[in-house]
Amino acid sequence: MKRINISSGAKWENLVGYSRVVRVGQMVEVAGTTSVVAGRLIGQGNPYLQTKVILESIGQALAEAGASLEDVVRTRMYVTDIGLWEEVGKAHFEFFKDIKPVTSMVEVVGLIHPDMMVEIEATAIVP
């Protein structure tokens, strides 16, 4: 199967050695995504807004790989405060209420920047 690596152009990809999106056959994996848009964190202090921005970004990344949110079969949510699960979950529900992928939400000690509260990965399978 052909492997397609898609870059966002972020400097971190070459420093760390990863791709924004990898598609192999029908499977599409989207790397951990935060609410950084054009180098600026969106939704500081607001996990609901951060999650919405992240899922919009994941949707765009999937589109670059020929997939969509409807193709998502799994999400993994990393949050810095599990007590905020309802706000993160509310935004996730708005995008996935009819799709219902399997998911995990895990509390982590921290993300790459202290103002980041949420990071999400996604796996899609294109029919």
Protein backbone atom coordinates (compact mmCIF):
# COMPACT_ATOMS: atom_id res chain seq x y z
CA MET A 1 0.00 0.00 0.00
CA LYS A 2 1.13 3.49 -0.77
CA ARG A 3 2.04 5.73 2.18
CA ILE A 4 1.31 9.45 1.99
CA ASN A 5 2.83 11.82 4.56
CA ILE A 6 1.22 15.25 4.81
CA SER A 7 3.03 18.10 6.52
CA SER A 8 1.53 21.19 8.09
CA GLY A 9 4.82 23.00 7.64
CA ALA A 10 5.31 23.42 11.37
CA LYS A 11 8.97 23.60 12.36
CA TRP A 12 8.36 20.91 14.98
CA GLU A 13 7.76 18.23 12.35
CA ASN A 14 11.39 18.23 11.21
CA LEU A 15 12.76 18.80 14.71
CA VAL A 16 10.86 15.84 16.18
CA GLY A 17 10.47 13.70 13.05
CA TYR A 18 6.73 13.36 12.49
CA SER A 19 4.02 14.14 9.96
CA ARG A 20 0.79 16.03 10.55
CA VAL A 21 -1.15 13.29 8.78
CA VAL A 22 -0.23 9.85 7.47
CA ARG A 23 -2.46 7.92 5.08
CA VAL A 24 -1.81 4.29 4.24
CA GLY A 25 -4.50 2.76 2.08
CA GLN A 26 -7.84 3.49 3.68
CA MET A 27 -6.38 4.39 7.11
CA VAL A 28 -5.67 8.00 8.02
CA GLU A 29 -3.92 9.01 11.25
CA VAL A 30 -3.89 12.63 12.44
CA ALA A 31 -1.16 13.64 14.88
CA GLY A 32 -1.86 15.22 18.23
CA THR A 33 -3.57 18.55 17.53
CA THR A 34 -3.80 21.60 19.74
CA SER A 35 -5.66 24.88 19.26
CA VAL A 36 -2.73 26.71 17.69
CA VAL A 37 -3.75 28.52 14.51
CA ALA A 38 -1.20 30.52 12.51
CA GLY A 39 1.25 30.28 15.41
CA ARG A 40 -1.24 31.61 17.98
CA LEU A 41 -3.03 29.66 20.72
CA ILE A 42 -6.79 30.11 20.42
CA GLY A 43 -9.03 29.74 23.49
CA GLN A 44 -6.58 30.38 26.31
CA GLY A 45 -8.29 29.31 29.54
CA ASN A 46 -11.28 27.91 27.63
CA PRO A 47 -11.19 24.12 27.11
CA TYR A 48 -14.49 24.14 25.19
CA LEU A 49 -13.17 26.63 22.62
CA GLN A 50 -9.80 24.88 22.42
CA THR A 51 -11.58 21.60 21.65
CA LYS A 52 -13.76 23.19 18.95
CA VAL A 53 -10.71 24.76 17.27
CA ILE A 54 -8.84 21.45 17.47
CA LEU A 55 -11.66 19.46 15.88
CA GLU A 56 -12.04 22.03 13.10
CA SER A 57 -8.30 21.71 12.45
CA ILE A 58 -8.53 17.91 12.44
CA GLY A 59 -11.37 18.16 9.91
CA GLN A 60 -9.15 20.27 7.65
CA ALA A 61 -6.24 17.85 8.04
CA LEU A 62 -8.46 14.91 7.17
CA ALA A 63 -9.71 16.71 4.06
CA GLU A 64 -6.11 17.08 2.86
CA ALA A 65 -5.85 13.29 3.05
CA GLY A 66 -9.13 12.69 1.23
CA ALA A 67 -11.08 11.90 4.39
CA SER A 68 -13.61 13.67 6.59
CA LEU A 69 -14.85 13.74 10.17
CA GLU A 70 -17.51 11.22 9.12
CA ASP A 71 -14.69 8.71 8.53
CA VAL A 72 -13.28 9.04 12.07
CA VAL A 73 -13.37 5.78 14.03
CA ARG A 74 -11.30 6.86 17.06
CA THR A 75 -10.32 10.00 18.93
CA ARG A 76 -7.90 10.31 21.81
CA MET A 77 -8.26 13.35 24.02
CA TYR A 78 -5.51 14.47 26.37
CA VAL A 79 -6.58 17.05 28.94
CA THR A 80 -4.57 18.80 31.63
CA ASP A 81 -7.52 18.82 34.07
CA ILE A 82 -9.96 15.90 33.95
CA GLY A 83 -12.37 18.03 35.97
CA LEU A 84 -13.05 19.94 32.75
CA TRP A 85 -14.22 16.79 30.94
CA GLU A 86 -17.76 18.10 30.44
CA GLU A 87 -16.60 21.18 28.51
CA VAL A 88 -14.28 19.11 26.33
CA GLY A 89 -16.94 16.44 25.92
CA LYS A 90 -19.58 19.01 24.93
CA ALA A 91 -17.44 20.26 22.04
CA HIS A 92 -16.58 16.68 21.01
CA PHE A 93 -20.29 15.84 21.01
CA GLU A 94 -21.07 18.77 18.71
CA PHE A 95 -18.77 17.31 16.06
CA PHE A 96 -19.37 13.60 16.61
CA LYS A 97 -22.92 13.19 17.98
CA ASP A 98 -24.01 11.17 14.93
CA ILE A 99 -20.62 9.62 14.05
CA LYS A 100 -19.84 8.30 17.53
CA PRO A 101 -16.23 7.14 17.18
CA VAL A 102 -14.64 5.25 20.03
CA THR A 103 -12.70 7.62 22.26
CA SER A 104 -10.52 8.02 25.29
CA MET A 105 -10.04 11.04 27.51
CA VAL A 106 -6.89 10.96 29.60
CA GLU A 107 -5.57 13.48 32.09
CA VAL A 108 -1.93 14.38 31.52
CA VAL A 109 0.49 16.40 33.64
CA GLY A 110 1.02 18.94 30.90
CA LEU A 111 1.20 19.65 27.19
CA ILE A 112 3.97 21.35 25.20
CA HIS A 113 2.81 24.84 26.28
CA PRO A 114 1.36 25.61 29.72
CA ASP A 115 -1.73 27.38 28.28
CA MET A 116 -2.73 24.33 26.22
CA MET A 117 -5.47 22.43 27.98
CA VAL A 118 -6.45 19.89 25.30
CA GLU A 119 -4.71 17.85 22.61
CA ILE A 120 -6.55 15.41 20.34
CA GLU A 121 -5.48 12.64 17.94
CA ALA A 122 -7.79 11.03 15.39
CA THR A 123 -7.91 7.87 13.33
CA ALA A 124 -10.11 7.62 10.24
CA ILE A 125 -10.86 4.83 7.80
CA VAL A 126 -11.98 5.95 4.36
CA PRO A 127 -14.56 3.62 2.81
